[in-house]
């Protein structure tokens, strides 16, 4: 086990990386899984340099409403996000 606060070092050296927030475990995964599939907004915003851009959004029927635009969603995406909370 190796402990570091340097995420570049952790993502480069680690086979599996644990992300903690104020002592609470958020996610344990490979560096690629952390980057591609963060489990929550904290991990998504923490991983990467520069960090991921995050926008508030809401699904309204078949439309994804963003502050900058409304985006139509396919039926498959509507089904995928049905009932999801982030």
PDB file of N, CA and C in Angstrom:
ATOM      1  N   UNK A   1       0.845  -1.153   0.000  1.00  0.00           N
ATOM      2  CA  UNK A   1       0.000   0.000   0.000  1.00  0.00           C
ATOM      3  C   UNK A   1       0.903   1.233   0.000  1.00  0.00           C
ATOM      4  N   UNK A   2       0.513   2.203  -0.796  1.00  0.00           N
ATOM      5  CA  UNK A   2       1.252   3.454  -0.922  1.00  0.00           C
ATOM      6  C   UNK A   2       0.251   4.590  -0.763  1.00  0.00           C
ATOM      7  N   UNK A   3       0.541   5.533   0.089  1.00  0.00           N
ATOM      8  CA  UNK A   3      -0.369   6.656   0.337  1.00  0.00           C
ATOM      9  C   UNK A   3       0.238   7.924  -0.245  1.00  0.00           C
ATOM     10  N   UNK A   4      -0.568   8.650  -1.023  1.00  0.00           N
ATOM     11  CA  UNK A   4      -0.111   9.908  -1.594  1.00  0.00           C
ATOM     12  C   UNK A   4      -1.296  10.843  -1.773  1.00  0.00           C
ATOM     13  N   UNK A   5      -1.030  12.122  -1.758  1.00  0.00           N
ATOM     14  CA  UNK A   5      -2.051  13.124  -2.066  1.00  0.00           C
ATOM     15  C   UNK A   5      -1.908  13.610  -3.507  1.00  0.00           C
ATOM     16  N   UNK A   6      -0.915  13.091  -4.204  1.00  0.00           N
ATOM     17  CA  UNK A   6      -0.649  13.478  -5.591  1.00  0.00           C
ATOM     18  C   UNK A   6      -1.396  12.518  -6.512  1.00  0.00           C
ATOM     19  N   UNK A   7      -2.498  12.988  -7.111  1.00  0.00           N
ATOM     20  CA  UNK A   7      -3.313  12.079  -7.914  1.00  0.00           C
ATOM     21  C   UNK A   7      -2.606  11.599  -9.163  1.00  0.00           C
ATOM     22  N   UNK A   8      -1.737  12.401  -9.751  1.00  0.00           N
ATOM     23  CA  UNK A   8      -0.987  11.959 -10.928  1.00  0.00           C
ATOM     24  C   UNK A   8      -0.105  10.779 -10.549  1.00  0.00           C
ATOM     25  N   UNK A   9       0.554  10.887  -9.406  1.00  0.00           N
ATOM     26  CA  UNK A   9       1.393   9.803  -8.911  1.00  0.00           C
ATOM     27  C   UNK A   9       0.553   8.549  -8.646  1.00  0.00           C
ATOM     28  N   UNK A  10      -0.590   8.711  -8.007  1.00  0.00           N
ATOM     29  CA  UNK A  10      -1.457   7.573  -7.697  1.00  0.00           C
ATOM     30  C   UNK A  10      -1.969   6.904  -8.965  1.00  0.00           C
ATOM     31  N   UNK A  11      -2.387   7.706  -9.939  1.00  0.00           N
ATOM     32  CA  UNK A  11      -2.934   7.153 -11.181  1.00  0.00           C
ATOM     33  C   UNK A  11      -1.846   6.492 -12.031  1.00  0.00           C
ATOM     34  N   UNK A  12      -0.609   6.946 -11.883  1.00  0.00           N
ATOM     35  CA  UNK A  12       0.497   6.390 -12.652  1.00  0.00           C
ATOM     36  C   UNK A  12       1.037   5.111 -12.021  1.00  0.00           C
ATOM     37  N   UNK A  13       1.179   5.099 -10.716  1.00  0.00           N
ATOM     38  CA  UNK A  13       1.819   3.978 -10.040  1.00  0.00           C
ATOM     39  C   UNK A  13       0.859   2.891  -9.566  1.00  0.00           C
ATOM     40  N   UNK A  14      -0.398   3.253  -9.317  1.00  0.00           N
ATOM     41  CA  UNK A  14      -1.314   2.321  -8.679  1.00  0.00           C
ATOM     42  C   UNK A  14      -1.990   1.351  -9.622  1.00  0.00           C
ATOM     43  N   UNK A  15      -2.110   0.093  -9.165  1.00  0.00           N
ATOM     44  CA  UNK A  15      -2.931  -0.889  -9.877  1.00  0.00           C
ATOM     45  C   UNK A  15      -4.398  -0.678  -9.517  1.00  0.00           C
ATOM     46  N   UNK A  16      -4.618  -0.328  -8.260  1.00  0.00           N
ATOM     47  CA  UNK A  16      -5.944   0.032  -7.764  1.00  0.00           C
ATOM     48  C   UNK A  16      -5.760   1.271  -6.899  1.00  0.00           C
ATOM     49  N   UNK A  17      -6.699   2.193  -7.012  1.00  0.00           N
ATOM     50  CA  UNK A  17      -6.597   3.466  -6.304  1.00  0.00           C
ATOM     51  C   UNK A  17      -7.855   3.651  -5.468  1.00  0.00           C
ATOM     52  N   UNK A  18      -7.675   4.069  -4.226  1.00  0.00           N
ATOM     53  CA  UNK A  18      -8.800   4.388  -3.345  1.00  0.00           C
ATOM     54  C   UNK A  18      -8.912   5.902  -3.254  1.00  0.00           C
ATOM     55  N   UNK A  19     -10.110   6.412  -3.485  1.00  0.00           N
ATOM     56  CA  UNK A  19     -10.363   7.851  -3.371  1.00  0.00           C
ATOM     57  C   UNK A  19     -11.161   8.068  -2.092  1.00  0.00           C
ATOM     58  N   UNK A  20     -10.605   8.889  -1.201  1.00  0.00           N
ATOM     59  CA  UNK A  20     -11.277   9.206   0.048  1.00  0.00           C
ATOM     60  C   UNK A  20     -11.648  10.677   0.076  1.00  0.00           C
ATOM     61  N   UNK A  21     -12.740  10.985   0.747  1.00  0.00           N
ATOM     62  CA  UNK A  21     -13.170  12.364   0.964  1.00  0.00           C
ATOM     63  C   UNK A  21     -13.478  12.519   2.438  1.00  0.00           C
ATOM     64  N   UNK A  22     -12.661  13.300   3.111  1.00  0.00           N
ATOM     65  CA  UNK A  22     -12.809  13.523   4.552  1.00  0.00           C
ATOM     66  C   UNK A  22     -12.879  12.211   5.327  1.00  0.00           C
ATOM     67  N   UNK A  23     -12.034  11.262   4.921  1.00  0.00           N
ATOM     68  CA  UNK A  23     -11.946   9.983   5.609  1.00  0.00           C
ATOM     69  C   UNK A  23     -12.993   8.959   5.204  1.00  0.00           C
ATOM     70  N   UNK A  24     -13.857   9.301   4.268  1.00  0.00           N
ATOM     71  CA  UNK A  24     -14.898   8.369   3.810  1.00  0.00           C
ATOM     72  C   UNK A  24     -14.526   7.860   2.424  1.00  0.00           C
ATOM     73  N   UNK A  25     -14.477   6.530   2.287  1.00  0.00           N
ATOM     74  CA  UNK A  25     -14.123   5.912   1.022  1.00  0.00           C
ATOM     75  C   UNK A  25     -15.197   6.207  -0.021  1.00  0.00           C
ATOM     76  N   UNK A  26     -14.774   6.749  -1.159  1.00  0.00           N
ATOM     77  CA  UNK A  26     -15.695   7.072  -2.241  1.00  0.00           C
ATOM     78  C   UNK A  26     -15.694   6.002  -3.321  1.00  0.00           C
ATOM     79  N   UNK A  27     -14.501   5.528  -3.706  1.00  0.00           N
ATOM     80  CA  UNK A  27     -14.407   4.523  -4.764  1.00  0.00           C
ATOM     81  C   UNK A  27     -13.037   3.862  -4.710  1.00  0.00           C
ATOM     82  N   UNK A  28     -13.008   2.572  -4.987  1.00  0.00           N
ATOM     83  CA  UNK A  28     -11.766   1.820  -5.177  1.00  0.00           C
ATOM     84  C   UNK A  28     -11.858   1.179  -6.548  1.00  0.00           C
ATOM     85  N   UNK A  29     -10.879   1.449  -7.393  1.00  0.00           N
ATOM     86  CA  UNK A  29     -10.917   0.918  -8.757  1.00  0.00           C
ATOM     87  C   UNK A  29      -9.555   1.075  -9.394  1.00  0.00           C
ATOM     88  N   UNK A  30      -9.428   0.530 -10.594  1.00  0.00           N
ATOM     89  CA  UNK A  30      -8.214   0.768 -11.363  1.00  0.00           C
ATOM     90  C   UNK A  30      -8.215   2.232 -11.800  1.00  0.00           C
ATOM     91  N   UNK A  31      -7.055   2.773 -12.131  1.00  0.00           N
ATOM     92  CA  UNK A  31      -7.025   4.159 -12.609  1.00  0.00           C
ATOM     93  C   UNK A  31      -7.952   4.385 -13.805  1.00  0.00           C
ATOM     94  N   UNK A  32      -7.996   3.459 -14.747  1.00  0.00           N
ATOM     95  CA  UNK A  32      -8.864   3.608 -15.922  1.00  0.00           C
ATOM     96  C   UNK A  32     -10.340   3.629 -15.524  1.00  0.00           C
ATOM     97  N   UNK A  33     -10.730   2.743 -14.590  1.00  0.00           N
ATOM     98  CA  UNK A  33     -12.122   2.722 -14.132  1.00  0.00           C
ATOM     99  C   UNK A  33     -12.496   4.016 -13.414  1.00  0.00           C
ATOM    100  N   UNK A  34     -11.582   4.543 -12.599  1.00  0.00           N
ATOM    101  CA  UNK A  34     -11.849   5.819 -11.922  1.00  0.00           C
ATOM    102  C   UNK A  34     -12.090   6.926 -12.935  1.00  0.00           C
ATOM    103  N   UNK A  35     -11.291   6.934 -13.982  1.00  0.00           N
ATOM    104  CA  UNK A  35     -11.382   7.981 -15.000  1.00  0.00           C
ATOM    105  C   UNK A  35     -12.629   7.810 -15.870  1.00  0.00           C
ATOM    106  N   UNK A  36     -12.897   6.576 -16.291  1.00  0.00           N
ATOM    107  CA  UNK A  36     -14.006   6.318 -17.213  1.00  0.00           C
ATOM    108  C   UNK A  36     -15.363   6.170 -16.533  1.00  0.00           C
ATOM    109  N   UNK A  37     -15.375   5.671 -15.296  1.00  0.00           N
ATOM    110  CA  UNK A  37     -16.639   5.376 -14.623  1.00  0.00           C
ATOM    111  C   UNK A  37     -16.628   5.836 -13.169  1.00  0.00           C
ATOM    112  N   UNK A  38     -16.510   7.142 -12.924  1.00  0.00           N
ATOM    113  CA  UNK A  38     -16.562   7.613 -11.534  1.00  0.00           C
ATOM    114  C   UNK A  38     -17.938   7.331 -10.940  1.00  0.00           C
ATOM    115  N   UNK A  39     -17.973   6.940  -9.664  1.00  0.00           N
ATOM    116  CA  UNK A  39     -19.251   6.571  -9.049  1.00  0.00           C
ATOM    117  C   UNK A  39     -20.056   7.760  -8.543  1.00  0.00           C
ATOM    118  N   UNK A  40     -19.416   8.921  -8.402  1.00  0.00           N
ATOM    119  CA  UNK A  40     -20.152  10.092  -7.941  1.00  0.00           C
ATOM    120  C   UNK A  40     -19.478  11.370  -8.450  1.00  0.00           C
ATOM    121  N   UNK A  41     -20.104  12.497  -8.190  1.00  0.00           N
ATOM    122  CA  UNK A  41     -19.584  13.774  -8.680  1.00  0.00           C
ATOM    123  C   UNK A  41     -18.247  14.144  -8.047  1.00  0.00           C
ATOM    124  N   UNK A  42     -18.040  13.751  -6.792  1.00  0.00           N
ATOM    125  CA  UNK A  42     -16.758  14.062  -6.162  1.00  0.00           C
ATOM    126  C   UNK A  42     -15.613  13.391  -6.908  1.00  0.00           C
ATOM    127  N   UNK A  43     -15.749  12.089  -7.165  1.00  0.00           N
ATOM    128  CA  UNK A  43     -14.691  11.357  -7.874  1.00  0.00           C
ATOM    129  C   UNK A  43     -14.529  11.920  -9.281  1.00  0.00           C
ATOM    130  N   UNK A  44     -15.631  12.207  -9.953  1.00  0.00           N
ATOM    131  CA  UNK A  44     -15.571  12.753 -11.319  1.00  0.00           C
ATOM    132  C   UNK A  44     -14.821  14.082 -11.353  1.00  0.00           C
ATOM    133  N   UNK A  45     -15.064  14.939 -10.378  1.00  0.00           N
ATOM    134  CA  UNK A  45     -14.399  16.235 -10.344  1.00  0.00           C
ATOM    135  C   UNK A  45     -12.973  16.166  -9.837  1.00  0.00           C
ATOM    136  N   UNK A  46     -12.660  15.133  -9.072  1.00  0.00           N
ATOM    137  CA  UNK A  46     -11.333  15.010  -8.470  1.00  0.00           C
ATOM    138  C   UNK A  46     -10.321  14.397  -9.433  1.00  0.00           C
ATOM    139  N   UNK A  47     -10.762  13.408 -10.201  1.00  0.00           N
ATOM    140  CA  UNK A  47      -9.847  12.667 -11.080  1.00  0.00           C
ATOM    141  C   UNK A  47      -9.592  13.457 -12.353  1.00  0.00           C
ATOM    142  N   UNK A  48      -8.360  13.470 -12.776  1.00  0.00           N
ATOM    143  CA  UNK A  48      -8.000  14.099 -14.043  1.00  0.00           C
ATOM    144  C   UNK A  48      -7.318  15.438 -13.847  1.00  0.00           C
ATOM    145  N   UNK A  49      -6.471  15.757 -14.795  1.00  0.00           N
ATOM    146  CA  UNK A  49      -5.765  17.026 -14.761  1.00  0.00           C
ATOM    147  C   UNK A  49      -5.672  17.546 -16.191  1.00  0.00           C
ATOM    148  N   UNK A  50      -6.430  18.539 -16.538  1.00  0.00           N
ATOM    149  CA  UNK A  50      -7.342  19.298 -15.674  1.00  0.00           C
ATOM    150  C   UNK A  50      -8.550  18.450 -15.295  1.00  0.00           C
ATOM    151  N   UNK A  51      -9.243  18.879 -14.249  1.00  0.00           N
ATOM    152  CA  UNK A  51     -10.383  18.107 -13.778  1.00  0.00           C
ATOM    153  C   UNK A  51     -11.540  18.167 -14.774  1.00  0.00           C
ATOM    154  N   UNK A  52     -12.437  17.208 -14.639  1.00  0.00           N
ATOM    155  CA  UNK A  52     -13.586  17.088 -15.534  1.00  0.00           C
ATOM    156  C   UNK A  52     -14.494  18.307 -15.388  1.00  0.00           C
ATOM    157  N   UNK A  53     -15.049  18.755 -16.492  1.00  0.00           N
ATOM    158  CA  UNK A  53     -16.046  19.813 -16.457  1.00  0.00           C
ATOM    159  C   UNK A  53     -17.392  19.214 -16.092  1.00  0.00           C
ATOM    160  N   UNK A  54     -18.082  19.830 -15.150  1.00  0.00           N
ATOM    161  CA  UNK A  54     -19.382  19.339 -14.712  1.00  0.00           C
ATOM    162  C   UNK A  54     -20.420  20.436 -14.893  1.00  0.00           C
ATOM    163  N   UNK A  55     -21.584  20.072 -15.410  1.00  0.00           N
ATOM    164  CA  UNK A  55     -22.687  21.011 -15.588  1.00  0.00           C
ATOM    165  C   UNK A  55     -23.922  20.462 -14.894  1.00  0.00           C
ATOM    166  N   UNK A  56     -24.703  21.339 -14.259  1.00  0.00           N
ATOM    167  CA  UNK A  56     -25.980  20.858 -13.721  1.00  0.00           C
ATOM    168  C   UNK A  56     -26.905  20.519 -14.889  1.00  0.00           C
ATOM    169  N   UNK A  57     -27.682  19.450 -14.750  1.00  0.00           N
ATOM    170  CA  UNK A  57     -28.578  19.035 -15.826  1.00  0.00           C
ATOM    171  C   UNK A  57     -29.796  18.348 -15.230  1.00  0.00           C
ATOM    172  N   UNK A  58     -30.856  18.320 -15.996  1.00  0.00           N
ATOM    173  CA  UNK A  58     -32.083  17.656 -15.577  1.00  0.00           C
ATOM    174  C   UNK A  58     -32.690  16.983 -16.808  1.00  0.00           C
ATOM    175  N   UNK A  59     -33.200  15.765 -16.611  1.00  0.00           N
ATOM    176  CA  UNK A  59     -33.897  15.074 -17.688  1.00  0.00           C
ATOM    177  C   UNK A  59     -35.379  15.401 -17.561  1.00  0.00           C
ATOM    178  N   UNK A  60     -35.921  15.998 -18.593  1.00  0.00           N
ATOM    179  CA  UNK A  60     -37.343  16.327 -18.666  1.00  0.00           C
ATOM    180  C   UNK A  60     -37.944  15.552 -19.830  1.00  0.00           C
ATOM    181  N   UNK A  61     -38.513  14.390 -19.521  1.00  0.00           N
ATOM    182  CA  UNK A  61     -39.072  13.553 -20.584  1.00  0.00           C
ATOM    183  C   UNK A  61     -37.976  13.024 -21.481  1.00  0.00           C
ATOM    184  N   UNK A  62     -37.941  13.511 -22.718  1.00  0.00           N
ATOM    185  CA  UNK A  62     -36.926  13.060 -23.680  1.00  0.00           C
ATOM    186  C   UNK A  62     -35.908  14.151 -23.980  1.00  0.00           C
ATOM    187  N   UNK A  63     -35.797  15.111 -23.058  1.00  0.00           N
ATOM    188  CA  UNK A  63     -34.870  16.230 -23.253  1.00  0.00           C
ATOM    189  C   UNK A  63     -33.932  16.355 -22.066  1.00  0.00           C
ATOM    190  N   UNK A  64     -32.663  16.550 -22.347  1.00  0.00           N
ATOM    191  CA  UNK A  64     -31.673  16.850 -21.322  1.00  0.00           C
ATOM    192  C   UNK A  64     -31.540  18.365 -21.281  1.00  0.00           C
ATOM    193  N   UNK A  65     -31.934  18.969 -20.154  1.00  0.00           N
ATOM    194  CA  UNK A  65     -31.879  20.424 -20.012  1.00  0.00           C
ATOM    195  C   UNK A  65     -30.598  20.829 -19.308  1.00  0.00           C
ATOM    196  N   UNK A  66     -29.767  21.578 -20.009  1.00  0.00           N
ATOM    197  CA  UNK A  66     -28.509  22.115 -19.501  1.00  0.00           C
ATOM    198  C   UNK A  66     -28.635  23.632 -19.415  1.00  0.00           C
ATOM    199  N   UNK A  67     -27.765  24.297 -18.652  1.00  0.00           N
ATOM    200  CA  UNK A  67     -27.816  25.760 -18.613  1.00  0.00           C
ATOM    201  C   UNK A  67     -27.564  26.408 -19.968  1.00  0.00           C
ATOM    202  N   UNK A  68     -26.860  25.697 -20.859  1.00  0.00           N
ATOM    203  CA  UNK A  68     -26.489  26.300 -22.135  1.00  0.00           C
ATOM    204  C   UNK A  68     -27.340  25.839 -23.313  1.00  0.00           C
ATOM    205  N   UNK A  69     -28.098  24.734 -23.152  1.00  0.00           N
ATOM    206  CA  UNK A  69     -28.898  24.222 -24.262  1.00  0.00           C
ATOM    207  C   UNK A  69     -29.786  23.087 -23.789  1.00  0.00           C
ATOM    208  N   UNK A  70     -30.786  22.771 -24.593  1.00  0.00           N
ATOM    209  CA  UNK A  70     -31.603  21.579 -24.394  1.00  0.00           C
ATOM    210  C   UNK A  70     -31.197  20.568 -25.463  1.00  0.00           C
ATOM    211  N   UNK A  71     -30.964  19.332 -25.034  1.00  0.00           N
ATOM    212  CA  UNK A  71     -30.478  18.301 -25.937  1.00  0.00           C
ATOM    213  C   UNK A  71     -31.498  17.169 -25.987  1.00  0.00           C
ATOM    214  N   UNK A  72     -31.985  16.804 -27.183  1.00  0.00           N
ATOM    215  CA  UNK A  72     -32.912  15.680 -27.270  1.00  0.00           C
ATOM    216  C   UNK A  72     -32.194  14.363 -26.970  1.00  0.00           C
ATOM    217  N   UNK A  73     -32.883  13.464 -26.278  1.00  0.00           N
ATOM    218  CA  UNK A  73     -32.311  12.172 -25.911  1.00  0.00           C
ATOM    219  C   UNK A  73     -32.973  11.062 -26.712  1.00  0.00           C
ATOM    220  N   UNK A  74     -32.186  10.074 -27.073  1.00  0.00           N
ATOM    221  CA  UNK A  74     -32.736   8.892 -27.750  1.00  0.00           C
ATOM    222  C   UNK A  74     -33.532   8.075 -26.735  1.00  0.00           C
ATOM    223  N   UNK A  75     -34.382   7.191 -27.221  1.00  0.00           N
ATOM    224  CA  UNK A  75     -35.167   6.323 -26.339  1.00  0.00           C
ATOM    225  C   UNK A  75     -34.262   5.469 -25.456  1.00  0.00           C
ATOM    226  N   UNK A  76     -33.132   5.020 -26.015  1.00  0.00           N
ATOM    227  CA  UNK A  76     -32.192   4.193 -25.239  1.00  0.00           C
ATOM    228  C   UNK A  76     -31.599   4.980 -24.075  1.00  0.00           C
ATOM    229  N   UNK A  77     -31.261   6.242 -24.298  1.00  0.00           N
ATOM    230  CA  UNK A  77     -30.708   7.059 -23.220  1.00  0.00           C
ATOM    231  C   UNK A  77     -31.771   7.400 -22.178  1.00  0.00           C
ATOM    232  N   UNK A  78     -32.979   7.670 -22.617  1.00  0.00           N
ATOM    233  CA  UNK A  78     -34.071   7.934 -21.673  1.00  0.00           C
ATOM    234  C   UNK A  78     -34.252   6.724 -20.754  1.00  0.00           C
ATOM    235  N   UNK A  79     -34.253   5.524 -21.331  1.00  0.00           N
ATOM    236  CA  UNK A  79     -34.400   4.292 -20.530  1.00  0.00           C
ATOM    237  C   UNK A  79     -33.219   4.100 -19.597  1.00  0.00           C
ATOM    238  N   UNK A  80     -32.010   4.451 -20.048  1.00  0.00           N
ATOM    239  CA  UNK A  80     -30.799   4.252 -19.235  1.00  0.00           C
ATOM    240  C   UNK A  80     -30.774   5.158 -18.010  1.00  0.00           C
ATOM    241  N   UNK A  81     -31.319   6.361 -18.110  1.00  0.00           N
ATOM    242  CA  UNK A  81     -31.253   7.307 -16.999  1.00  0.00           C
ATOM    243  C   UNK A  81     -32.541   7.339 -16.176  1.00  0.00           C
ATOM    244  N   UNK A  82     -33.542   6.555 -16.553  1.00  0.00           N
ATOM    245  CA  UNK A  82     -34.815   6.544 -15.831  1.00  0.00           C
ATOM    246  C   UNK A  82     -34.581   6.153 -14.379  1.00  0.00           C
ATOM    247  N   UNK A  83     -35.000   7.002 -13.469  1.00  0.00           N
ATOM    248  CA  UNK A  83     -34.891   6.726 -12.042  1.00  0.00           C
ATOM    249  C   UNK A  83     -33.508   6.959 -11.453  1.00  0.00           C
ATOM    250  N   UNK A  84     -32.540   7.346 -12.266  1.00  0.00           N
ATOM    251  CA  UNK A  84     -31.176   7.563 -11.757  1.00  0.00           C
ATOM    252  C   UNK A  84     -31.118   8.860 -10.959  1.00  0.00           C
ATOM    253  N   UNK A  85     -30.304   8.862  -9.924  1.00  0.00           N
ATOM    254  CA  UNK A  85     -30.048  10.065  -9.138  1.00  0.00           C
ATOM    255  C   UNK A  85     -28.541  10.252  -9.048  1.00  0.00           C
ATOM    256  N   UNK A  86     -28.108  11.472  -9.225  1.00  0.00           N
ATOM    257  CA  UNK A  86     -26.688  11.788  -9.110  1.00  0.00           C
ATOM    258  C   UNK A  86     -26.484  12.896  -8.152  1.00  0.00           C
TER     259      UNK A  86
END
